[in-house]
């Protein structure tokens, strides 16, 4: 297993999977999936094997495939969750970046719209109403 810094985004998926299926322990999950318990303990609990180490555990490719099948997710999605900077991973943007992009998109769409007075004048003219 490869280790690197940061929180483990697979944890939430695995915990949700366990809750949905009534799986009460990592041991039971490991037995059900045919994986080593230590692998799942590292993923579910984001175990750090070295005291004070700010490193996390990533699953191997065979483990990713097993998890993808169990979670009914494409393997590449789990890979990109585990390794956000992997080649081909979608760009991750902060919520502020997403809001800013949406605001800019709306502004660009509204640039072609008439002001309120012009809009009302045109609508009244279309319907034969006098000003």
N, C-alpha and C. Protein backbone atom coordinates (compact mmCIF):
# COMPACT_ATOMS: atom_id res chain seq x y z
N UNK A 1 0.82 -1.18 0.00
CA UNK A 1 0.00 0.00 0.00
C UNK A 1 0.87 1.25 0.00
N UNK A 2 0.44 2.24 -0.75
CA UNK A 2 1.14 3.50 -0.81
C UNK A 2 0.58 4.42 0.28
N UNK A 3 1.42 5.22 0.87
CA UNK A 3 0.98 6.13 1.91
C UNK A 3 1.32 7.56 1.50
N UNK A 4 0.41 8.49 1.85
CA UNK A 4 0.64 9.90 1.56
C UNK A 4 -0.15 10.76 2.52
N UNK A 5 0.05 12.06 2.49
CA UNK A 5 -0.59 12.96 3.45
C UNK A 5 -2.04 13.25 3.09
N UNK A 6 -2.84 13.58 4.11
CA UNK A 6 -4.20 14.06 3.89
C UNK A 6 -5.25 13.13 4.44
N UNK A 7 -6.50 13.60 4.54
CA UNK A 7 -7.59 12.78 5.05
C UNK A 7 -7.99 11.72 4.03
N UNK A 8 -8.62 10.67 4.50
CA UNK A 8 -8.99 9.56 3.62
C UNK A 8 -10.44 9.71 3.15
N UNK A 9 -10.66 10.07 1.89
CA UNK A 9 -12.02 10.27 1.38
C UNK A 9 -12.79 8.97 1.17
N UNK A 10 -12.11 7.83 1.17
CA UNK A 10 -12.81 6.56 1.02
C UNK A 10 -13.54 6.15 2.31
N UNK A 11 -13.12 6.74 3.41
CA UNK A 11 -13.69 6.39 4.71
C UNK A 11 -15.21 6.52 4.71
N UNK A 12 -15.73 7.65 4.26
CA UNK A 12 -17.18 7.88 4.28
C UNK A 12 -17.93 6.84 3.45
N UNK A 13 -17.40 6.51 2.27
CA UNK A 13 -18.04 5.51 1.42
C UNK A 13 -18.10 4.14 2.11
N UNK A 14 -17.00 3.77 2.73
CA UNK A 14 -16.96 2.46 3.39
C UNK A 14 -17.86 2.41 4.61
N UNK A 15 -17.86 3.47 5.40
CA UNK A 15 -18.73 3.51 6.58
C UNK A 15 -20.19 3.48 6.16
N UNK A 16 -20.55 4.23 5.12
CA UNK A 16 -21.93 4.23 4.62
C UNK A 16 -22.32 2.83 4.12
N UNK A 17 -21.42 2.19 3.40
CA UNK A 17 -21.65 0.84 2.91
C UNK A 17 -21.94 -0.11 4.07
N UNK A 18 -21.14 0.00 5.12
CA UNK A 18 -21.32 -0.87 6.28
C UNK A 18 -22.66 -0.60 6.97
N UNK A 19 -23.00 0.66 7.13
CA UNK A 19 -24.28 1.00 7.78
C UNK A 19 -25.46 0.50 6.97
N UNK A 20 -25.43 0.72 5.66
CA UNK A 20 -26.54 0.31 4.79
C UNK A 20 -26.78 -1.19 4.82
N UNK A 21 -25.73 -1.96 5.06
CA UNK A 21 -25.84 -3.41 5.04
C UNK A 21 -25.82 -4.03 6.43
N UNK A 22 -25.83 -3.19 7.44
CA UNK A 22 -25.84 -3.71 8.80
C UNK A 22 -24.56 -4.41 9.21
N UNK A 23 -23.47 -4.08 8.55
CA UNK A 23 -22.17 -4.67 8.89
C UNK A 23 -21.62 -3.89 10.08
N UNK A 24 -21.39 -4.61 11.17
CA UNK A 24 -21.05 -3.94 12.42
C UNK A 24 -19.57 -3.82 12.70
N UNK A 25 -18.75 -4.55 11.97
CA UNK A 25 -17.31 -4.46 12.25
C UNK A 25 -16.51 -4.52 10.94
N UNK A 26 -15.32 -3.98 11.03
CA UNK A 26 -14.42 -4.02 9.88
C UNK A 26 -14.02 -5.47 9.58
N UNK A 27 -13.92 -6.27 10.62
CA UNK A 27 -13.61 -7.69 10.43
C UNK A 27 -14.67 -8.34 9.56
N UNK A 28 -15.96 -8.08 9.86
CA UNK A 28 -17.05 -8.65 9.06
C UNK A 28 -17.01 -8.14 7.62
N UNK A 29 -16.72 -6.86 7.45
CA UNK A 29 -16.61 -6.29 6.10
C UNK A 29 -15.46 -6.95 5.34
N UNK A 30 -14.32 -7.09 5.99
CA UNK A 30 -13.16 -7.72 5.35
C UNK A 30 -13.49 -9.14 4.93
N UNK A 31 -14.14 -9.88 5.82
CA UNK A 31 -14.52 -11.26 5.49
C UNK A 31 -15.48 -11.30 4.32
N UNK A 32 -16.46 -10.40 4.31
CA UNK A 32 -17.46 -10.36 3.24
C UNK A 32 -16.82 -10.03 1.89
N UNK A 33 -15.87 -9.10 1.89
CA UNK A 33 -15.25 -8.66 0.64
C UNK A 33 -14.03 -9.49 0.25
N UNK A 34 -13.54 -10.29 1.17
CA UNK A 34 -12.36 -11.09 0.87
C UNK A 34 -11.08 -10.27 0.89
N UNK A 35 -11.04 -9.26 1.73
CA UNK A 35 -9.86 -8.40 1.85
C UNK A 35 -9.21 -8.60 3.21
N UNK A 36 -7.96 -8.18 3.30
CA UNK A 36 -7.27 -8.27 4.58
C UNK A 36 -7.85 -7.25 5.55
N UNK A 37 -8.00 -7.66 6.79
CA UNK A 37 -8.55 -6.76 7.80
C UNK A 37 -7.71 -5.51 7.97
N UNK A 38 -6.40 -5.67 7.95
CA UNK A 38 -5.51 -4.52 8.16
C UNK A 38 -5.71 -3.47 7.08
N UNK A 39 -5.96 -3.92 5.85
CA UNK A 39 -6.21 -2.99 4.75
C UNK A 39 -7.44 -2.16 5.04
N UNK A 40 -8.52 -2.82 5.43
CA UNK A 40 -9.76 -2.10 5.69
C UNK A 40 -9.67 -1.25 6.95
N UNK A 41 -8.97 -1.72 7.97
CA UNK A 41 -8.78 -0.90 9.16
C UNK A 41 -8.08 0.41 8.80
N UNK A 42 -7.07 0.30 7.95
CA UNK A 42 -6.36 1.51 7.52
C UNK A 42 -7.29 2.45 6.76
N UNK A 43 -8.14 1.91 5.90
CA UNK A 43 -9.04 2.74 5.10
C UNK A 43 -10.19 3.32 5.91
N UNK A 44 -10.83 2.48 6.72
CA UNK A 44 -11.99 2.93 7.48
C UNK A 44 -11.59 3.86 8.62
N UNK A 45 -10.53 3.50 9.29
CA UNK A 45 -10.13 4.30 10.45
C UNK A 45 -9.02 5.29 10.12
N UNK A 46 -8.60 5.31 8.87
CA UNK A 46 -7.52 6.19 8.44
C UNK A 46 -6.32 6.04 9.36
N UNK A 47 -5.96 4.78 9.60
CA UNK A 47 -4.88 4.46 10.54
C UNK A 47 -3.56 5.04 10.08
N UNK A 48 -2.81 5.49 11.03
CA UNK A 48 -1.48 6.00 10.76
C UNK A 48 -0.49 5.10 11.48
N UNK A 49 0.22 4.26 10.74
CA UNK A 49 1.07 3.25 11.36
C UNK A 49 2.26 3.81 12.12
N UNK A 50 2.71 4.98 11.73
CA UNK A 50 3.86 5.56 12.40
C UNK A 50 3.36 6.63 13.36
N UNK A 51 3.83 6.60 14.59
CA UNK A 51 3.37 7.56 15.60
C UNK A 51 3.58 8.98 15.11
N UNK A 52 2.51 9.75 15.12
CA UNK A 52 2.59 11.15 14.74
C UNK A 52 2.69 11.40 13.25
N UNK A 53 2.66 10.37 12.45
CA UNK A 53 2.80 10.55 11.00
C UNK A 53 1.50 11.12 10.42
N UNK A 54 1.65 12.09 9.55
CA UNK A 54 0.49 12.68 8.88
C UNK A 54 0.37 12.05 7.50
N UNK A 55 0.33 10.72 7.48
CA UNK A 55 0.26 10.00 6.22
C UNK A 55 -0.94 9.07 6.27
N UNK A 56 -1.51 8.80 5.12
CA UNK A 56 -2.63 7.88 5.09
C UNK A 56 -2.36 6.74 4.14
N UNK A 57 -3.22 5.74 4.22
CA UNK A 57 -3.06 4.54 3.42
C UNK A 57 -3.98 4.58 2.23
N UNK A 58 -3.45 4.23 1.07
CA UNK A 58 -4.26 4.08 -0.13
C UNK A 58 -4.36 2.61 -0.47
N UNK A 59 -5.48 2.21 -1.05
CA UNK A 59 -5.62 0.80 -1.43
C UNK A 59 -4.79 0.47 -2.66
N UNK A 60 -4.41 -0.80 -2.78
CA UNK A 60 -3.73 -1.27 -3.98
C UNK A 60 -4.77 -1.36 -5.10
N UNK A 61 -4.31 -1.60 -6.32
CA UNK A 61 -5.24 -1.72 -7.45
C UNK A 61 -6.21 -2.89 -7.27
N UNK A 62 -5.76 -4.08 -6.87
CA UNK A 62 -6.73 -5.16 -6.64
C UNK A 62 -7.75 -4.81 -5.54
N UNK A 63 -7.31 -4.12 -4.51
CA UNK A 63 -8.24 -3.70 -3.46
C UNK A 63 -9.23 -2.69 -4.01
N UNK A 64 -8.75 -1.75 -4.82
CA UNK A 64 -9.64 -0.77 -5.45
C UNK A 64 -10.72 -1.45 -6.29
N UNK A 65 -10.32 -2.45 -7.04
CA UNK A 65 -11.27 -3.18 -7.88
C UNK A 65 -12.31 -3.88 -7.02
N UNK A 66 -11.89 -4.52 -5.96
CA UNK A 66 -12.82 -5.20 -5.05
C UNK A 66 -13.77 -4.19 -4.43
N UNK A 67 -13.24 -3.06 -3.98
CA UNK A 67 -14.09 -2.03 -3.38
C UNK A 67 -15.06 -1.44 -4.40
N UNK A 68 -14.59 -1.22 -5.62
CA UNK A 68 -15.44 -0.67 -6.67
C UNK A 68 -16.62 -1.60 -6.94
N UNK A 69 -16.36 -2.88 -6.99
CA UNK A 69 -17.44 -3.84 -7.20
C UNK A 69 -18.44 -3.81 -6.04
N UNK A 70 -17.92 -3.79 -4.82
CA UNK A 70 -18.79 -3.79 -3.64
C UNK A 70 -19.59 -2.50 -3.54
N UNK A 71 -18.95 -1.37 -3.81
CA UNK A 71 -19.61 -0.07 -3.68
C UNK A 71 -20.40 0.32 -4.92
N UNK A 72 -20.32 -0.52 -5.96
CA UNK A 72 -21.00 -0.26 -7.23
C UNK A 72 -20.59 1.10 -7.80
N UNK A 73 -19.28 1.32 -7.80
CA UNK A 73 -18.70 2.55 -8.32
C UNK A 73 -17.64 2.19 -9.35
N UNK A 74 -17.44 3.05 -10.34
CA UNK A 74 -16.32 2.80 -11.27
C UNK A 74 -14.99 2.87 -10.51
N UNK A 75 -14.09 1.99 -10.87
CA UNK A 75 -12.80 1.93 -10.19
C UNK A 75 -12.07 3.26 -10.27
N UNK A 76 -12.15 3.93 -11.42
CA UNK A 76 -11.42 5.20 -11.55
C UNK A 76 -11.96 6.25 -10.59
N UNK A 77 -13.25 6.23 -10.27
CA UNK A 77 -13.78 7.20 -9.31
C UNK A 77 -13.16 6.99 -7.93
N UNK A 78 -13.03 5.73 -7.53
CA UNK A 78 -12.40 5.45 -6.23
C UNK A 78 -10.93 5.84 -6.26
N UNK A 79 -10.27 5.59 -7.38
CA UNK A 79 -8.87 5.99 -7.51
C UNK A 79 -8.74 7.50 -7.35
N UNK A 80 -9.61 8.25 -8.02
CA UNK A 80 -9.52 9.71 -7.95
C UNK A 80 -9.91 10.24 -6.58
N UNK A 81 -10.78 9.52 -5.86
CA UNK A 81 -11.05 9.91 -4.48
C UNK A 81 -9.82 9.70 -3.62
N UNK A 82 -9.17 8.57 -3.83
CA UNK A 82 -8.00 8.24 -3.03
C UNK A 82 -6.79 9.08 -3.40
N UNK A 83 -6.64 9.38 -4.69
CA UNK A 83 -5.48 10.12 -5.19
C UNK A 83 -5.97 11.25 -6.10
N UNK A 84 -6.41 12.37 -5.49
CA UNK A 84 -7.00 13.46 -6.28
C UNK A 84 -6.09 14.04 -7.35
N UNK A 85 -4.78 13.92 -7.19
CA UNK A 85 -3.87 14.49 -8.18
C UNK A 85 -3.37 13.44 -9.18
N UNK A 86 -4.03 12.29 -9.23
CA UNK A 86 -3.64 11.26 -10.20
C UNK A 86 -3.91 11.76 -11.62
N UNK A 87 -3.10 11.34 -12.59
CA UNK A 87 -3.34 11.76 -13.97
C UNK A 87 -4.76 11.38 -14.41
N UNK A 88 -5.45 12.33 -15.00
CA UNK A 88 -6.82 12.10 -15.46
C UNK A 88 -7.89 12.42 -14.44
N UNK A 89 -7.49 12.72 -13.20
CA UNK A 89 -8.47 13.05 -12.17
C UNK A 89 -9.16 14.36 -12.51
N UNK A 90 -10.46 14.44 -12.24
CA UNK A 90 -11.15 15.71 -12.51
C UNK A 90 -10.60 16.80 -11.60
N UNK A 91 -10.66 18.02 -12.10
CA UNK A 91 -10.17 19.14 -11.32
C UNK A 91 -11.06 19.35 -10.10
N UNK A 92 -10.45 19.47 -8.96
CA UNK A 92 -11.20 19.72 -7.72
C UNK A 92 -11.19 21.22 -7.47
N UNK A 93 -12.39 21.76 -7.28
CA UNK A 93 -12.48 23.19 -7.03
C UNK A 93 -13.13 23.43 -5.68
N UNK A 94 -12.72 24.50 -5.05
CA UNK A 94 -13.29 24.85 -3.75
C UNK A 94 -14.72 25.36 -3.96
N UNK A 95 -15.56 25.33 -2.92
CA UNK A 95 -16.92 25.86 -3.05
C UNK A 95 -16.93 27.32 -3.50
N UNK A 96 -15.95 28.11 -3.06
CA UNK A 96 -15.88 29.50 -3.50
C UNK A 96 -15.62 29.60 -4.99
N UNK A 97 -14.76 28.72 -5.52
CA UNK A 97 -14.49 28.71 -6.96
C UNK A 97 -15.75 28.33 -7.74
N UNK A 98 -16.49 27.37 -7.23
CA UNK A 98 -17.72 26.93 -7.90
C UNK A 98 -18.74 28.07 -7.92
N UNK A 99 -18.91 28.75 -6.78
CA UNK A 99 -19.86 29.88 -6.71
C UNK A 99 -19.43 31.00 -7.65
N UNK A 100 -18.14 31.31 -7.65
CA UNK A 100 -17.63 32.38 -8.52
C UNK A 100 -17.87 32.04 -9.98
N UNK A 101 -17.62 30.79 -10.37
CA UNK A 101 -17.83 30.37 -11.76
C UNK A 101 -19.31 30.48 -12.13
N UNK A 102 -20.20 30.07 -11.22
CA UNK A 102 -21.65 30.17 -11.49
C UNK A 102 -22.07 31.63 -11.63
N UNK A 103 -21.56 32.47 -10.75
CA UNK A 103 -21.89 33.90 -10.82
C UNK A 103 -21.40 34.50 -12.14
N UNK A 104 -20.19 34.17 -12.54
CA UNK A 104 -19.65 34.68 -13.81
C UNK A 104 -20.46 34.18 -15.00
N UNK A 105 -20.88 32.91 -14.94
CA UNK A 105 -21.69 32.35 -16.02
C UNK A 105 -23.03 33.08 -16.13
N UNK A 106 -23.66 33.36 -14.99
CA UNK A 106 -24.93 34.10 -15.00
C UNK A 106 -24.75 35.51 -15.53
N UNK A 107 -23.66 36.15 -15.12
CA UNK A 107 -23.40 37.51 -15.62
C UNK A 107 -23.21 37.50 -17.13
N UNK A 108 -22.51 36.52 -17.66
CA UNK A 108 -22.29 36.49 -19.10
C UNK A 108 -23.60 36.23 -19.85
N UNK A 109 -24.47 35.42 -19.26
CA UNK A 109 -25.77 35.17 -19.90
C UNK A 109 -26.66 36.40 -19.84
N UNK A 110 -26.57 37.14 -18.76
CA UNK A 110 -27.45 38.30 -18.61
C UNK A 110 -26.96 39.52 -19.39
N UNK A 111 -25.74 39.49 -19.91
CA UNK A 111 -25.20 40.63 -20.65
C UNK A 111 -26.03 40.93 -21.89
N UNK A 112 -26.66 39.91 -22.48
CA UNK A 112 -27.45 40.11 -23.69
C UNK A 112 -28.91 40.46 -23.40
N UNK A 113 -29.29 40.47 -22.15
CA UNK A 113 -30.67 40.77 -21.80
C UNK A 113 -30.90 42.27 -21.74
N UNK A 114 -32.08 42.72 -22.14
CA UNK A 114 -32.37 44.16 -22.08
C UNK A 114 -32.62 44.58 -20.62
N UNK A 115 -32.49 45.88 -20.36
CA UNK A 115 -32.81 46.37 -19.03
C UNK A 115 -34.33 46.25 -18.82
N UNK A 116 -34.80 46.45 -17.62
CA UNK A 116 -36.21 46.22 -17.27
C UNK A 116 -37.15 47.10 -18.08
N UNK A 117 -36.83 48.39 -18.22
CA UNK A 117 -37.70 49.31 -18.96
C UNK A 117 -37.84 48.90 -20.42
N UNK A 118 -36.74 48.54 -21.04
CA UNK A 118 -36.77 48.11 -22.44
C UNK A 118 -37.58 46.82 -22.57
N UNK A 119 -37.37 45.89 -21.66
CA UNK A 119 -38.11 44.63 -21.69
C UNK A 119 -39.62 44.89 -21.59
N UNK A 120 -40.03 45.71 -20.63
CA UNK A 120 -41.46 45.99 -20.45
C UNK A 120 -42.04 46.71 -21.67
N UNK A 121 -41.31 47.65 -22.23
CA UNK A 121 -41.78 48.37 -23.42
C UNK A 121 -41.98 47.40 -24.58
N UNK A 122 -41.03 46.49 -24.79
CA UNK A 122 -41.14 45.51 -25.88
C UNK A 122 -42.31 44.55 -25.65
N UNK A 123 -42.48 44.11 -24.42
CA UNK A 123 -43.60 43.18 -24.11
C UNK A 123 -44.94 43.86 -24.34
N UNK A 124 -45.06 45.11 -23.91
CA UNK A 124 -46.32 45.83 -24.10
C UNK A 124 -46.59 46.03 -25.58
N UNK A 125 -45.55 46.32 -26.34
CA UNK A 125 -45.71 46.53 -27.78
C UNK A 125 -46.14 45.23 -28.45
N UNK A 126 -45.58 44.09 -28.02
CA UNK A 126 -45.95 42.80 -28.59
C UNK A 126 -47.43 42.48 -28.35
N UNK A 127 -47.95 42.91 -27.22
CA UNK A 127 -49.32 42.57 -26.84
C UNK A 127 -50.31 43.70 -27.15
N UNK A 128 -49.81 44.73 -27.83
CA UNK A 128 -50.68 45.82 -28.24
C UNK A 128 -51.13 46.72 -27.11
N UNK A 129 -50.40 46.74 -26.03
CA UNK A 129 -50.75 47.58 -24.91
C UNK A 129 -50.06 48.94 -25.06
N UNK A 130 -50.76 49.97 -24.64
CA UNK A 130 -50.15 51.30 -24.69
C UNK A 130 -49.34 51.55 -23.44
N UNK A 131 -48.35 52.40 -23.56
CA UNK A 131 -47.50 52.73 -22.42
C UNK A 131 -48.17 53.65 -21.46
